[in-house]
Amino acid sequence: VVFPGSNCEHDVVHALGLVGVESELVWHRETDLEDFAGVVLPGGFAHG
């Protein structure tokens, strides 16, 4: 799940792909996560 200020979300997708896990980036306002088996919250920076 990508939030404003998220960092390294593309690295997470790459790392999951290396171990055979299909993944995609989902914006934080998405309300339907039913099709997903798991969620990763990457690191980030504080606003302001």
Protein backbone atom coordinates (compact mmCIF):
# COMPACT_ATOMS: atom_id res chain seq x y z
CA VAL A 1 0.00 0.00 0.00
CA VAL A 2 1.47 3.34 -1.07
CA PHE A 3 0.90 6.48 0.99
CA PRO A 4 2.07 10.04 0.31
CA GLY A 5 5.68 10.04 1.49
CA SER A 6 6.16 6.29 1.00
CA ASN A 7 9.70 5.24 0.19
CA CYS A 8 11.14 2.12 -1.48
CA GLU A 9 7.79 0.71 -2.60
CA HIS A 10 9.34 -0.25 -5.95
CA ASP A 11 12.14 -2.06 -4.11
CA VAL A 12 9.51 -4.07 -2.23
CA VAL A 13 7.81 -5.09 -5.50
CA HIS A 14 11.20 -6.10 -6.91
CA ALA A 15 12.18 -8.11 -3.82
CA LEU A 16 8.86 -9.95 -3.76
CA GLY A 17 9.29 -10.77 -7.44
CA LEU A 18 12.71 -12.28 -6.75
CA VAL A 19 11.10 -14.84 -4.46
CA GLY A 20 8.23 -15.54 -6.85
CA VAL A 21 5.51 -13.41 -5.26
CA GLU A 22 3.28 -11.51 -7.67
CA SER A 23 2.61 -8.00 -6.36
CA GLU A 24 1.31 -4.61 -7.38
CA LEU A 25 1.28 -1.11 -5.96
CA VAL A 26 -2.04 0.00 -4.48
CA TRP A 27 -2.81 3.61 -3.52
CA HIS A 28 -3.82 4.07 0.13
CA ARG A 29 -7.33 5.23 -0.75
CA GLU A 30 -8.19 1.85 -2.31
CA THR A 31 -11.02 0.35 -0.27
CA ASP A 32 -11.27 -3.13 -1.82
CA LEU A 33 -8.33 -5.36 -0.91
CA GLU A 34 -10.33 -8.60 -1.12
CA ASP A 35 -8.23 -9.98 -4.00
CA PHE A 36 -4.99 -9.64 -2.04
CA ALA A 37 -3.50 -12.32 0.22
CA GLY A 38 -1.28 -9.85 2.09
CA VAL A 39 -0.30 -6.22 2.47
CA VAL A 40 3.14 -4.59 2.79
CA LEU A 41 3.55 -1.08 4.18
CA PRO A 42 6.93 0.19 2.95
CA GLY A 43 8.98 2.78 4.81
CA GLY A 44 8.43 6.47 4.35
CA PHE A 45 9.09 10.03 5.33
CA ALA A 46 7.09 12.35 7.59
CA HIS A 47 5.15 15.18 5.98
CA GLY A 48 5.96 18.76 6.87
